[in-house]
């Protein structure tokens, strides 16, 4: 290789390095911008709504994101995610009631209870596929609801529930609506950041590959059971975080946090926003909460509007709101590029 060739190779290598750095910087800037937009939208919602309502919306969006990780990215339809949401709520509430009034440690305790449950039940659940996966999760959810209602009634106060009086630690005050709003917003943004890192990593590629063709992934030598189990645990831990935040938001826990029928609302929200799109889960969560919280004030049969919205999504926008917007933008950019080439 002569001196001129070496110089050309060096220049090409330098340009490739600069291009990679620019792409990485662009990706980080886009990620930061999208995070600020999400935060700004929730802050803006405080104007027409109340702090408590928006806080409730954000907690719901967290559990929708956890369900979307299972269904949208791994292709497993679950009807039992509220078992882990309820475990997070009860774990936090019981920790405050019987162990310590420290709210931060109580949140960790609630999440850990959800993780332990997911680790144990996941060994059985993730071996199932299709409808069996969904119904098995629903069955465990019903069992969990029964346990807190009857066998553990002396501890959980049964259907009456119990209050959660966490201690104030300096500026950490879960009796202050403003603090709860900002704490839940930061929690949502943290979940969003973690899921983005997971989804766009090599691990995320493998999880999406399992959704497309698990047999082929297994043939390539990957232990698909292990990756499904880990994904199941991550989803349950996020649901547990949502339950823990809900317990501190309402300062109260009752068996409704384990209601198996509540899973339907999460499924509706994810389908409306767009399954397999992390921002779609947030959009769908907000839209569902607006429909279910505000429409009943004006319309007694508000479920009719929810059914109509779902029919429109299924027949006209199968990818959901966010997925349809992404497809429209991609097709528009492609048509512009083709028009530029023809010119």
C-alpha atoms as a PDB file:
ATOM      1  CA  UNK A   1       0.000   0.000   0.000  1.00  0.00           C
ATOM      2  CA  UNK A   2       1.566   3.290  -1.129  1.00  0.00           C
ATOM      3  CA  UNK A   3       1.463   6.577   0.709  1.00  0.00           C
ATOM      4  CA  UNK A   4      -1.488   7.957  -1.305  1.00  0.00           C
ATOM      5  CA  UNK A   5      -3.611   4.877  -0.673  1.00  0.00           C
ATOM      6  CA  UNK A   6      -2.813   4.992   3.056  1.00  0.00           C
ATOM      7  CA  UNK A   7      -3.891   8.629   3.123  1.00  0.00           C
ATOM      8  CA  UNK A   8      -7.224   7.799   1.411  1.00  0.00           C
ATOM      9  CA  UNK A   9      -7.908   4.921   3.826  1.00  0.00           C
ATOM     10  CA  UNK A  10      -7.075   7.173   6.775  1.00  0.00           C
ATOM     11  CA  UNK A  11      -9.452   9.851   5.494  1.00  0.00           C
ATOM     12  CA  UNK A  12     -12.259   7.305   4.937  1.00  0.00           C
ATOM     13  CA  UNK A  13     -11.784   5.887   8.423  1.00  0.00           C
ATOM     14  CA  UNK A  14     -11.861   9.392   9.872  1.00  0.00           C
ATOM     15  CA  UNK A  15     -15.094  10.225   7.994  1.00  0.00           C
ATOM     16  CA  UNK A  16     -16.728   6.975   9.145  1.00  0.00           C
ATOM     17  CA  UNK A  17     -15.790   7.718  12.756  1.00  0.00           C
ATOM     18  CA  UNK A  18     -17.148  11.259  12.474  1.00  0.00           C
ATOM     19  CA  UNK A  19     -20.376   9.957  10.869  1.00  0.00           C
ATOM     20  CA  UNK A  20     -20.866   7.391  13.650  1.00  0.00           C
ATOM     21  CA  UNK A  21     -20.285  10.069  16.279  1.00  0.00           C
ATOM     22  CA  UNK A  22     -22.770  12.386  14.553  1.00  0.00           C
ATOM     23  CA  UNK A  23     -25.391   9.607  14.403  1.00  0.00           C
ATOM     24  CA  UNK A  24     -24.897   8.818  18.080  1.00  0.00           C
ATOM     25  CA  UNK A  25     -25.176  12.524  18.964  1.00  0.00           C
ATOM     26  CA  UNK A  26     -28.315  12.854  16.806  1.00  0.00           C
ATOM     27  CA  UNK A  27     -29.831   9.816  18.511  1.00  0.00           C
ATOM     28  CA  UNK A  28     -29.122  11.237  21.969  1.00  0.00           C
ATOM     29  CA  UNK A  29     -30.563  14.617  20.978  1.00  0.00           C
ATOM     30  CA  UNK A  30     -33.696  12.968  19.568  1.00  0.00           C
ATOM     31  CA  UNK A  31     -34.075  10.903  22.737  1.00  0.00           C
ATOM     32  CA  UNK A  32     -33.704  13.997  24.916  1.00  0.00           C
ATOM     33  CA  UNK A  33     -36.169  15.950  22.785  1.00  0.00           C
ATOM     34  CA  UNK A  34     -38.766  13.172  22.917  1.00  0.00           C
ATOM     35  CA  UNK A  35     -38.353  12.917  26.707  1.00  0.00           C
ATOM     36  CA  UNK A  36     -38.887  16.666  27.084  1.00  0.00           C
ATOM     37  CA  UNK A  37     -41.973  16.494  24.848  1.00  0.00           C
ATOM     38  CA  UNK A  38     -43.487  13.675  26.950  1.00  0.00           C
ATOM     39  CA  UNK A  39     -42.772  15.608  30.170  1.00  0.00           C
ATOM     40  CA  UNK A  40     -44.140  18.827  28.660  1.00  0.00           C
ATOM     41  CA  UNK A  41     -47.376  17.133  27.571  1.00  0.00           C
ATOM     42  CA  UNK A  42     -48.094  15.856  31.079  1.00  0.00           C
ATOM     43  CA  UNK A  43     -47.255  19.237  32.590  1.00  0.00           C
ATOM     44  CA  UNK A  44     -49.615  20.859  30.075  1.00  0.00           C
ATOM     45  CA  UNK A  45     -52.404  18.442  31.086  1.00  0.00           C
ATOM     46  CA  UNK A  46     -52.332  19.960  34.565  1.00  0.00           C
ATOM     47  CA  UNK A  47     -53.960  23.108  33.143  1.00  0.00           C
ATOM     48  CA  UNK A  48     -57.336  21.556  32.148  1.00  0.00           C
ATOM     49  CA  UNK A  49     -57.163  18.757  34.760  1.00  0.00           C
ATOM     50  CA  UNK A  50     -55.964  18.481  38.354  1.00  0.00           C
ATOM     51  CA  UNK A  51     -52.591  17.375  39.703  1.00  0.00           C
ATOM     52  CA  UNK A  52     -54.141  14.242  41.169  1.00  0.00           C
ATOM     53  CA  UNK A  53     -55.812  13.268  37.888  1.00  0.00           C
ATOM     54  CA  UNK A  54     -52.649  13.718  35.831  1.00  0.00           C
ATOM     55  CA  UNK A  55     -50.668  11.750  38.432  1.00  0.00           C
ATOM     56  CA  UNK A  56     -53.222   8.948  38.075  1.00  0.00           C
ATOM     57  CA  UNK A  57     -52.872   9.147  34.273  1.00  0.00           C
ATOM     58  CA  UNK A  58     -49.092   8.755  34.498  1.00  0.00           C
ATOM     59  CA  UNK A  59     -49.319   5.738  36.810  1.00  0.00           C
ATOM     60  CA  UNK A  60     -51.702   4.111  34.339  1.00  0.00           C
ATOM     61  CA  UNK A  61     -49.307   4.869  31.469  1.00  0.00           C
ATOM     62  CA  UNK A  62     -46.515   3.082  33.367  1.00  0.00           C
ATOM     63  CA  UNK A  63     -48.523  -0.123  33.604  1.00  0.00           C
ATOM     64  CA  UNK A  64     -49.546   0.175  29.925  1.00  0.00           C
ATOM     65  CA  UNK A  65     -45.845   0.365  28.999  1.00  0.00           C
ATOM     66  CA  UNK A  66     -45.160  -2.731  31.091  1.00  0.00           C
ATOM     67  CA  UNK A  67     -47.940  -4.637  29.277  1.00  0.00           C
ATOM     68  CA  UNK A  68     -46.716  -3.400  25.894  1.00  0.00           C
ATOM     69  CA  UNK A  69     -43.297  -4.916  26.605  1.00  0.00           C
ATOM     70  CA  UNK A  70     -44.960  -8.327  26.871  1.00  0.00           C
ATOM     71  CA  UNK A  71     -47.447  -8.038  24.011  1.00  0.00           C
ATOM     72  CA  UNK A  72     -46.102  -5.416  21.656  1.00  0.00           C
ATOM     73  CA  UNK A  73     -42.475  -6.575  21.693  1.00  0.00           C
ATOM     74  CA  UNK A  74     -42.516 -10.219  22.836  1.00  0.00           C
ATOM     75  CA  UNK A  75     -45.909 -11.143  21.403  1.00  0.00           C
ATOM     76  CA  UNK A  76     -47.453 -12.555  24.604  1.00  0.00           C
ATOM     77  CA  UNK A  77     -51.007 -11.510  25.449  1.00  0.00           C
ATOM     78  CA  UNK A  78     -51.457 -11.369  29.240  1.00  0.00           C
ATOM     79  CA  UNK A  79     -54.695 -10.978  31.198  1.00  0.00           C
ATOM     80  CA  UNK A  80     -52.973 -11.043  34.574  1.00  0.00           C
ATOM     81  CA  UNK A  81     -50.642  -8.079  34.805  1.00  0.00           C
ATOM     82  CA  UNK A  82     -52.684  -6.592  37.651  1.00  0.00           C
ATOM     83  CA  UNK A  83     -51.466  -9.400  39.878  1.00  0.00           C
ATOM     84  CA  UNK A  84     -48.059  -7.681  39.880  1.00  0.00           C
ATOM     85  CA  UNK A  85     -49.593  -4.210  40.026  1.00  0.00           C
ATOM     86  CA  UNK A  86     -51.523  -5.321  43.104  1.00  0.00           C
ATOM     87  CA  UNK A  87     -48.442  -6.994  44.558  1.00  0.00           C
ATOM     88  CA  UNK A  88     -46.585  -3.688  44.258  1.00  0.00           C
ATOM     89  CA  UNK A  89     -49.452  -1.830  45.929  1.00  0.00           C
ATOM     90  CA  UNK A  90     -49.892  -4.339  48.761  1.00  0.00           C
ATOM     91  CA  UNK A  91     -46.150  -4.804  49.220  1.00  0.00           C
ATOM     92  CA  UNK A  92     -45.711  -1.058  49.652  1.00  0.00           C
ATOM     93  CA  UNK A  93     -48.769  -0.625  51.851  1.00  0.00           C
ATOM     94  CA  UNK A  94     -48.028  -3.578  54.140  1.00  0.00           C
ATOM     95  CA  UNK A  95     -44.392  -2.497  54.473  1.00  0.00           C
ATOM     96  CA  UNK A  96     -45.500   0.944  55.639  1.00  0.00           C
ATOM     97  CA  UNK A  97     -48.118  -0.562  57.957  1.00  0.00           C
ATOM     98  CA  UNK A  98     -46.031  -3.267  59.630  1.00  0.00           C
ATOM     99  CA  UNK A  99     -42.319  -2.596  59.003  1.00  0.00           C
ATOM    100  CA  UNK A 100     -41.281   0.994  58.293  1.00  0.00           C
ATOM    101  CA  UNK A 101     -42.936   4.251  57.285  1.00  0.00           C
ATOM    102  CA  UNK A 102     -40.043   5.135  54.967  1.00  0.00           C
ATOM    103  CA  UNK A 103     -41.785   5.627  51.569  1.00  0.00           C
ATOM    104  CA  UNK A 104     -38.728   5.029  49.380  1.00  0.00           C
ATOM    105  CA  UNK A 105     -37.891   1.718  51.046  1.00  0.00           C
ATOM    106  CA  UNK A 106     -41.585   0.782  50.855  1.00  0.00           C
ATOM    107  CA  UNK A 107     -41.567   1.341  47.075  1.00  0.00           C
ATOM    108  CA  UNK A 108     -38.544  -0.951  46.755  1.00  0.00           C
ATOM    109  CA  UNK A 109     -40.326  -3.554  48.919  1.00  0.00           C
ATOM    110  CA  UNK A 110     -43.403  -3.430  46.680  1.00  0.00           C
ATOM    111  CA  UNK A 111     -41.337  -3.818  43.517  1.00  0.00           C
ATOM    112  CA  UNK A 112     -39.360  -6.699  45.048  1.00  0.00           C
ATOM    113  CA  UNK A 113     -42.585  -8.533  45.945  1.00  0.00           C
ATOM    114  CA  UNK A 114     -43.688  -8.236  42.302  1.00  0.00           C
ATOM    115  CA  UNK A 115     -40.284  -9.441  41.096  1.00  0.00           C
ATOM    116  CA  UNK A 116     -40.298 -12.479  43.407  1.00  0.00           C
ATOM    117  CA  UNK A 117     -43.816 -13.425  42.293  1.00  0.00           C
ATOM    118  CA  UNK A 118     -42.843 -13.034  38.627  1.00  0.00           C
ATOM    119  CA  UNK A 119     -39.699 -15.120  39.122  1.00  0.00           C
ATOM    120  CA  UNK A 120     -41.690 -17.975  40.683  1.00  0.00           C
ATOM    121  CA  UNK A 121     -44.797 -17.897  38.498  1.00  0.00           C
ATOM    122  CA  UNK A 122     -42.846 -17.038  35.360  1.00  0.00           C
ATOM    123  CA  UNK A 123     -41.145 -20.432  35.434  1.00  0.00           C
ATOM    124  CA  UNK A 124     -44.576 -21.920  34.667  1.00  0.00           C
ATOM    125  CA  UNK A 125     -46.235 -19.092  32.751  1.00  0.00           C
ATOM    126  CA  UNK A 126     -43.636 -18.371  30.054  1.00  0.00           C
ATOM    127  CA  UNK A 127     -43.713 -22.000  28.896  1.00  0.00           C
ATOM    128  CA  UNK A 128     -47.247 -21.378  27.634  1.00  0.00           C
ATOM    129  CA  UNK A 129     -48.120 -19.700  24.347  1.00  0.00           C
ATOM    130  CA  UNK A 130     -51.131 -18.074  22.746  1.00  0.00           C
ATOM    131  CA  UNK A 131     -54.406 -18.132  24.652  1.00  0.00           C
ATOM    132  CA  UNK A 132     -52.923 -20.462  27.275  1.00  0.00           C
ATOM    133  CA  UNK A 133     -50.451 -17.742  28.288  1.00  0.00           C
ATOM    134  CA  UNK A 134     -53.191 -15.147  28.713  1.00  0.00           C
ATOM    135  CA  UNK A 135     -55.602 -17.408  30.599  1.00  0.00           C
ATOM    136  CA  UNK A 136     -52.907 -18.806  32.881  1.00  0.00           C
ATOM    137  CA  UNK A 137     -51.945 -15.277  33.892  1.00  0.00           C
ATOM    138  CA  UNK A 138     -55.619 -14.436  34.459  1.00  0.00           C
ATOM    139  CA  UNK A 139     -55.996 -17.517  36.674  1.00  0.00           C
ATOM    140  CA  UNK A 140     -53.045 -16.488  38.842  1.00  0.00           C
ATOM    141  CA  UNK A 141     -54.505 -12.963  39.032  1.00  0.00           C
ATOM    142  CA  UNK A 142     -57.809 -14.342  40.342  1.00  0.00           C
ATOM    143  CA  UNK A 143     -55.958 -16.489  42.889  1.00  0.00           C
ATOM    144  CA  UNK A 144     -54.042 -13.425  44.114  1.00  0.00           C
ATOM    145  CA  UNK A 145     -57.308 -11.484  44.495  1.00  0.00           C
ATOM    146  CA  UNK A 146     -58.810 -14.353  46.511  1.00  0.00           C
ATOM    147  CA  UNK A 147     -55.762 -14.607  48.795  1.00  0.00           C
ATOM    148  CA  UNK A 148     -55.902 -10.959  49.900  1.00  0.00           C
ATOM    149  CA  UNK A 149     -59.688 -11.161  50.286  1.00  0.00           C
ATOM    150  CA  UNK A 150     -59.883 -14.302  52.425  1.00  0.00           C
ATOM    151  CA  UNK A 151     -56.794 -16.234  53.661  1.00  0.00           C
ATOM    152  CA  UNK A 152     -54.821 -13.043  54.440  1.00  0.00           C
ATOM    153  CA  UNK A 153     -57.831 -11.046  55.563  1.00  0.00           C
ATOM    154  CA  UNK A 154     -56.394 -10.484  59.043  1.00  0.00           C
ATOM    155  CA  UNK A 155     -53.328  -8.824  57.481  1.00  0.00           C
ATOM    156  CA  UNK A 156     -54.841  -7.063  54.455  1.00  0.00           C
ATOM    157  CA  UNK A 157     -58.227  -6.114  56.047  1.00  0.00           C
ATOM    158  CA  UNK A 158     -59.991  -7.932  53.202  1.00  0.00           C
ATOM    159  CA  UNK A 159     -62.334  -5.936  51.005  1.00  0.00           C
ATOM    160  CA  UNK A 160     -62.133  -2.907  53.324  1.00  0.00           C
ATOM    161  CA  UNK A 161     -58.475  -2.299  52.540  1.00  0.00           C
ATOM    162  CA  UNK A 162     -56.242  -0.146  54.717  1.00  0.00           C
ATOM    163  CA  UNK A 163     -54.610   3.268  54.779  1.00  0.00           C
ATOM    164  CA  UNK A 164     -50.997   3.928  53.850  1.00  0.00           C
ATOM    165  CA  UNK A 165     -49.436   6.627  56.013  1.00  0.00           C
ATOM    166  CA  UNK A 166     -45.864   7.041  54.776  1.00  0.00           C
ATOM    167  CA  UNK A 167     -43.550   9.305  56.754  1.00  0.00           C
ATOM    168  CA  UNK A 168     -42.336  12.646  55.445  1.00  0.00           C
ATOM    169  CA  UNK A 169     -38.563  12.685  54.842  1.00  0.00           C
ATOM    170  CA  UNK A 170     -37.417  16.244  54.232  1.00  0.00           C
ATOM    171  CA  UNK A 171     -38.806  17.316  50.872  1.00  0.00           C
ATOM    172  CA  UNK A 172     -40.086  13.755  50.224  1.00  0.00           C
ATOM    173  CA  UNK A 173     -43.717  14.178  51.174  1.00  0.00           C
ATOM    174  CA  UNK A 174     -46.294  11.854  49.614  1.00  0.00           C
ATOM    175  CA  UNK A 175     -49.099  13.824  51.245  1.00  0.00           C
ATOM    176  CA  UNK A 176     -48.255  16.760  48.966  1.00  0.00           C
ATOM    177  CA  UNK A 177     -49.989  16.507  45.536  1.00  0.00           C
ATOM    178  CA  UNK A 178     -47.232  18.571  43.914  1.00  0.00           C
ATOM    179  CA  UNK A 179     -44.464  16.290  45.122  1.00  0.00           C
ATOM    180  CA  UNK A 180     -46.402  13.182  44.056  1.00  0.00           C
ATOM    181  CA  UNK A 181     -46.880  14.644  40.583  1.00  0.00           C
ATOM    182  CA  UNK A 182     -43.163  15.330  40.056  1.00  0.00           C
ATOM    183  CA  UNK A 183     -42.105  12.029  41.630  1.00  0.00           C
ATOM    184  CA  UNK A 184     -44.437  10.005  39.397  1.00  0.00           C
ATOM    185  CA  UNK A 185     -43.403  12.038  36.331  1.00  0.00           C
ATOM    186  CA  UNK A 186     -39.721  11.277  37.014  1.00  0.00           C
ATOM    187  CA  UNK A 187     -40.620   7.608  37.545  1.00  0.00           C
ATOM    188  CA  UNK A 188     -42.429   7.499  34.195  1.00  0.00           C
ATOM    189  CA  UNK A 189     -39.495   9.131  32.410  1.00  0.00           C
ATOM    190  CA  UNK A 190     -37.116   6.651  34.068  1.00  0.00           C
ATOM    191  CA  UNK A 191     -39.249   3.713  32.886  1.00  0.00           C
ATOM    192  CA  UNK A 192     -39.358   5.253  29.402  1.00  0.00           C
ATOM    193  CA  UNK A 193     -35.545   5.578  29.359  1.00  0.00           C
ATOM    194  CA  UNK A 194     -35.000   2.000  30.580  1.00  0.00           C
ATOM    195  CA  UNK A 195     -37.427   0.524  28.055  1.00  0.00           C
ATOM    196  CA  UNK A 196     -35.883   2.505  25.216  1.00  0.00           C
ATOM    197  CA  UNK A 197     -32.443   1.141  26.168  1.00  0.00           C
ATOM    198  CA  UNK A 198     -33.782  -2.406  26.310  1.00  0.00           C
ATOM    199  CA  UNK A 199     -35.849  -2.289  23.144  1.00  0.00           C
ATOM    200  CA  UNK A 200     -33.134  -0.821  20.926  1.00  0.00           C
ATOM    201  CA  UNK A 201     -30.357  -3.043  22.298  1.00  0.00           C
ATOM    202  CA  UNK A 202     -29.316  -6.464  21.043  1.00  0.00           C
ATOM    203  CA  UNK A 203     -31.503  -7.885  23.823  1.00  0.00           C
ATOM    204  CA  UNK A 204     -34.503  -6.054  22.380  1.00  0.00           C
ATOM    205  CA  UNK A 205     -33.756  -7.403  18.899  1.00  0.00           C
ATOM    206  CA  UNK A 206     -33.749 -10.922  20.329  1.00  0.00           C
ATOM    207  CA  UNK A 207     -37.063 -10.372  22.133  1.00  0.00           C
ATOM    208  CA  UNK A 208     -38.692  -9.075  18.955  1.00  0.00           C
ATOM    209  CA  UNK A 209     -37.244 -12.046  17.074  1.00  0.00           C
ATOM    210  CA  UNK A 210     -38.935 -14.381  19.559  1.00  0.00           C
ATOM    211  CA  UNK A 211     -42.208 -12.678  18.691  1.00  0.00           C
ATOM    212  CA  UNK A 212     -41.650 -13.222  14.976  1.00  0.00           C
ATOM    213  CA  UNK A 213     -40.345 -16.800  15.035  1.00  0.00           C
ATOM    214  CA  UNK A 214     -39.324 -18.387  18.320  1.00  0.00           C
ATOM    215  CA  UNK A 215     -38.442 -21.702  16.686  1.00  0.00           C
ATOM    216  CA  UNK A 216     -35.862 -20.063  14.449  1.00  0.00           C
ATOM    217  CA  UNK A 217     -34.341 -18.162  17.385  1.00  0.00           C
ATOM    218  CA  UNK A 218     -34.082 -21.404  19.335  1.00  0.00           C
ATOM    219  CA  UNK A 219     -32.509 -23.093  16.308  1.00  0.00           C
ATOM    220  CA  UNK A 220     -29.801 -20.386  16.308  1.00  0.00           C
ATOM    221  CA  UNK A 221     -28.774 -21.572  19.768  1.00  0.00           C
ATOM    222  CA  UNK A 222     -30.474 -19.032  22.035  1.00  0.00           C
ATOM    223  CA  UNK A 223     -32.217 -20.072  25.244  1.00  0.00           C
ATOM    224  CA  UNK A 224     -35.601 -18.485  24.472  1.00  0.00           C
ATOM    225  CA  UNK A 225     -37.090 -19.612  27.789  1.00  0.00           C
ATOM    226  CA  UNK A 226     -34.525 -17.561  29.705  1.00  0.00           C
ATOM    227  CA  UNK A 227     -35.105 -14.409  27.646  1.00  0.00           C
ATOM    228  CA  UNK A 228     -38.891 -14.735  27.928  1.00  0.00           C
ATOM    229  CA  UNK A 229     -38.564 -15.251  31.686  1.00  0.00           C
ATOM    230  CA  UNK A 230     -36.349 -12.175  32.091  1.00  0.00           C
ATOM    231  CA  UNK A 231     -38.729 -10.061  29.969  1.00  0.00           C
ATOM    232  CA  UNK A 232     -41.664 -11.291  32.034  1.00  0.00           C
ATOM    233  CA  UNK A 233     -39.866 -10.267  35.239  1.00  0.00           C
ATOM    234  CA  UNK A 234     -38.998  -6.811  33.852  1.00  0.00           C
ATOM    235  CA  UNK A 235     -42.626  -6.271  32.833  1.00  0.00           C
ATOM    236  CA  UNK A 236     -43.849  -7.375  36.282  1.00  0.00           C
ATOM    237  CA  UNK A 237     -41.356  -5.098  38.056  1.00  0.00           C
ATOM    238  CA  UNK A 238     -42.604  -2.074  36.086  1.00  0.00           C
ATOM    239  CA  UNK A 239     -46.200  -3.029  36.908  1.00  0.00           C
ATOM    240  CA  UNK A 240     -45.127  -3.366  40.553  1.00  0.00           C
ATOM    241  CA  UNK A 241     -43.660   0.146  40.438  1.00  0.00           C
ATOM    242  CA  UNK A 242     -47.004   1.442  39.133  1.00  0.00           C
ATOM    243  CA  UNK A 243     -48.804  -0.342  41.988  1.00  0.00           C
ATOM    244  CA  UNK A 244     -46.406   1.074  44.581  1.00  0.00           C
ATOM    245  CA  UNK A 245     -46.898   4.599  43.240  1.00  0.00           C
ATOM    246  CA  UNK A 246     -50.673   4.091  43.238  1.00  0.00           C
ATOM    247  CA  UNK A 247     -50.633   3.055  46.911  1.00  0.00           C
ATOM    248  CA  UNK A 248     -48.740   6.221  47.847  1.00  0.00           C
ATOM    249  CA  UNK A 249     -50.805   8.381  45.514  1.00  0.00           C
ATOM    250  CA  UNK A 250     -54.116   7.362  47.113  1.00  0.00           C
ATOM    251  CA  UNK A 251     -52.608   6.636  50.554  1.00  0.00           C
ATOM    252  CA  UNK A 252     -54.855   3.576  50.477  1.00  0.00           C
ATOM    253  CA  UNK A 253     -54.816  -0.028  49.234  1.00  0.00           C
ATOM    254  CA  UNK A 254     -57.756  -2.377  48.614  1.00  0.00           C
ATOM    255  CA  UNK A 255     -58.445  -5.523  46.516  1.00  0.00           C
ATOM    256  CA  UNK A 256     -59.436  -3.428  43.480  1.00  0.00           C
ATOM    257  CA  UNK A 257     -55.712  -3.171  42.736  1.00  0.00           C
ATOM    258  CA  UNK A 258     -55.854  -6.912  41.955  1.00  0.00           C
ATOM    259  CA  UNK A 259     -59.052  -6.784  39.905  1.00  0.00           C
ATOM    260  CA  UNK A 260     -58.560  -9.078  36.913  1.00  0.00           C
ATOM    261  CA  UNK A 261     -61.098  -7.088  34.858  1.00  0.00           C
ATOM    262  CA  UNK A 262     -58.848  -4.018  35.054  1.00  0.00           C
ATOM    263  CA  UNK A 263     -56.504  -5.744  32.590  1.00  0.00           C
ATOM    264  CA  UNK A 264     -59.039  -5.017  29.852  1.00  0.00           C
ATOM    265  CA  UNK A 265     -58.466  -1.271  30.216  1.00  0.00           C
ATOM    266  CA  UNK A 266     -54.709  -1.711  29.805  1.00  0.00           C
ATOM    267  CA  UNK A 267     -55.242  -3.814  26.666  1.00  0.00           C
ATOM    268  CA  UNK A 268     -57.619  -1.210  25.206  1.00  0.00           C
ATOM    269  CA  UNK A 269     -55.140   1.587  25.915  1.00  0.00           C
ATOM    270  CA  UNK A 270     -52.231  -0.240  24.289  1.00  0.00           C
ATOM    271  CA  UNK A 271     -54.237  -1.103  21.167  1.00  0.00           C
ATOM    272  CA  UNK A 272     -55.500   2.463  20.822  1.00  0.00           C
ATOM    273  CA  UNK A 273     -52.009   3.933  21.075  1.00  0.00           C
ATOM    274  CA  UNK A 274     -50.310   1.203  19.044  1.00  0.00           C
ATOM    275  CA  UNK A 275     -48.862  -2.054  20.360  1.00  0.00           C
ATOM    276  CA  UNK A 276     -45.126  -2.381  19.878  1.00  0.00           C
ATOM    277  CA  UNK A 277     -44.595   1.383  20.079  1.00  0.00           C
ATOM    278  CA  UNK A 278     -43.432   2.684  23.439  1.00  0.00           C
ATOM    279  CA  UNK A 279     -44.775   6.186  22.789  1.00  0.00           C
ATOM    280  CA  UNK A 280     -48.014   4.621  21.582  1.00  0.00           C
ATOM    281  CA  UNK A 281     -48.458   3.088  25.040  1.00  0.00           C
ATOM    282  CA  UNK A 282     -48.262   6.559  26.603  1.00  0.00           C
ATOM    283  CA  UNK A 283     -50.650   8.095  24.043  1.00  0.00           C
ATOM    284  CA  UNK A 284     -53.105   5.221  24.421  1.00  0.00           C
ATOM    285  CA  UNK A 285     -52.911   5.393  28.203  1.00  0.00           C
ATOM    286  CA  UNK A 286     -53.752   9.096  28.251  1.00  0.00           C
ATOM    287  CA  UNK A 287     -56.595   8.738  25.728  1.00  0.00           C
ATOM    288  CA  UNK A 288     -58.116   5.801  27.611  1.00  0.00           C
ATOM    289  CA  UNK A 289     -57.941   7.646  30.935  1.00  0.00           C
ATOM    290  CA  UNK A 290     -59.576  10.727  29.394  1.00  0.00           C
ATOM    291  CA  UNK A 291     -62.378   8.586  27.949  1.00  0.00           C
ATOM    292  CA  UNK A 292     -62.936   6.598  31.160  1.00  0.00           C
ATOM    293  CA  UNK A 293     -62.637   9.574  33.555  1.00  0.00           C
ATOM    294  CA  UNK A 294     -64.202  12.512  31.732  1.00  0.00           C
ATOM    295  CA  UNK A 295     -66.861  11.022  29.439  1.00  0.00           C
ATOM    296  CA  UNK A 296     -68.876   9.447  32.300  1.00  0.00           C
ATOM    297  CA  UNK A 297     -69.523  13.002  33.555  1.00  0.00           C
ATOM    298  CA  UNK A 298     -71.485  13.815  30.378  1.00  0.00           C
ATOM    299  CA  UNK A 299     -72.571  10.407  29.039  1.00  0.00           C
ATOM    300  CA  UNK A 300     -73.966   7.551  31.070  1.00  0.00           C
ATOM    301  CA  UNK A 301     -73.085   4.964  28.417  1.00  0.00           C
ATOM    302  CA  UNK A 302     -69.508   6.127  27.937  1.00  0.00           C
ATOM    303  CA  UNK A 303     -68.371   2.580  27.125  1.00  0.00           C
ATOM    304  CA  UNK A 304     -70.093   3.019  23.758  1.00  0.00           C
ATOM    305  CA  UNK A 305     -67.494   5.626  22.721  1.00  0.00           C
ATOM    306  CA  UNK A 306     -64.689   3.344  23.867  1.00  0.00           C
ATOM    307  CA  UNK A 307     -66.102   0.504  21.767  1.00  0.00           C
ATOM    308  CA  UNK A 308     -66.447   2.769  18.723  1.00  0.00           C
ATOM    309  CA  UNK A 309     -62.863   3.992  19.164  1.00  0.00           C
ATOM    310  CA  UNK A 310     -61.600   0.420  19.346  1.00  0.00           C
ATOM    311  CA  UNK A 311     -63.555  -0.578  16.221  1.00  0.00           C
ATOM    312  CA  UNK A 312     -62.073   2.347  14.300  1.00  0.00           C
ATOM    313  CA  UNK A 313     -58.580   1.351  15.457  1.00  0.00           C
ATOM    314  CA  UNK A 314     -59.048  -2.325  14.533  1.00  0.00           C
ATOM    315  CA  UNK A 315     -60.560  -1.733  11.076  1.00  0.00           C
ATOM    316  CA  UNK A 316     -58.945   1.536   9.996  1.00  0.00           C
ATOM    317  CA  UNK A 317     -55.748   2.056  12.013  1.00  0.00           C
ATOM    318  CA  UNK A 318     -54.533  -1.435  12.849  1.00  0.00           C
ATOM    319  CA  UNK A 319     -51.168  -0.146  14.064  1.00  0.00           C
ATOM    320  CA  UNK A 320     -52.830   2.231  16.521  1.00  0.00           C
ATOM    321  CA  UNK A 321     -52.501   5.999  16.598  1.00  0.00           C
ATOM    322  CA  UNK A 322     -48.719   6.193  16.964  1.00  0.00           C
ATOM    323  CA  UNK A 323     -48.035   3.301  14.585  1.00  0.00           C
ATOM    324  CA  UNK A 324     -50.293   4.824  11.927  1.00  0.00           C
ATOM    325  CA  UNK A 325     -48.602   8.217  12.308  1.00  0.00           C
ATOM    326  CA  UNK A 326     -45.176   6.600  11.917  1.00  0.00           C
ATOM    327  CA  UNK A 327     -46.314   4.725   8.789  1.00  0.00           C
ATOM    328  CA  UNK A 328     -47.795   7.915   7.318  1.00  0.00           C
ATOM    329  CA  UNK A 329     -44.576   9.852   7.995  1.00  0.00           C
ATOM    330  CA  UNK A 330     -42.394   7.089   6.529  1.00  0.00           C
ATOM    331  CA  UNK A 331     -44.518   6.850   3.367  1.00  0.00           C
ATOM    332  CA  UNK A 332     -44.519  10.636   3.021  1.00  0.00           C
ATOM    333  CA  UNK A 333     -40.719  10.794   3.315  1.00  0.00           C
ATOM    334  CA  UNK A 334     -40.374   7.970   0.789  1.00  0.00           C
ATOM    335  CA  UNK A 335     -42.618   9.738  -1.729  1.00  0.00           C
ATOM    336  CA  UNK A 336     -40.607  12.955  -1.316  1.00  0.00           C
ATOM    337  CA  UNK A 337     -37.364  11.066  -1.855  1.00  0.00           C
ATOM    338  CA  UNK A 338     -38.727   9.392  -4.979  1.00  0.00           C
ATOM    339  CA  UNK A 339     -39.987  12.714  -6.353  1.00  0.00           C
ATOM    340  CA  UNK A 340     -36.549  14.251  -5.778  1.00  0.00           C
ATOM    341  CA  UNK A 341     -34.870  11.368  -7.634  1.00  0.00           C
ATOM    342  CA  UNK A 342     -37.235  11.657 -10.605  1.00  0.00           C
ATOM    343  CA  UNK A 343     -36.557  15.399 -10.823  1.00  0.00           C
END
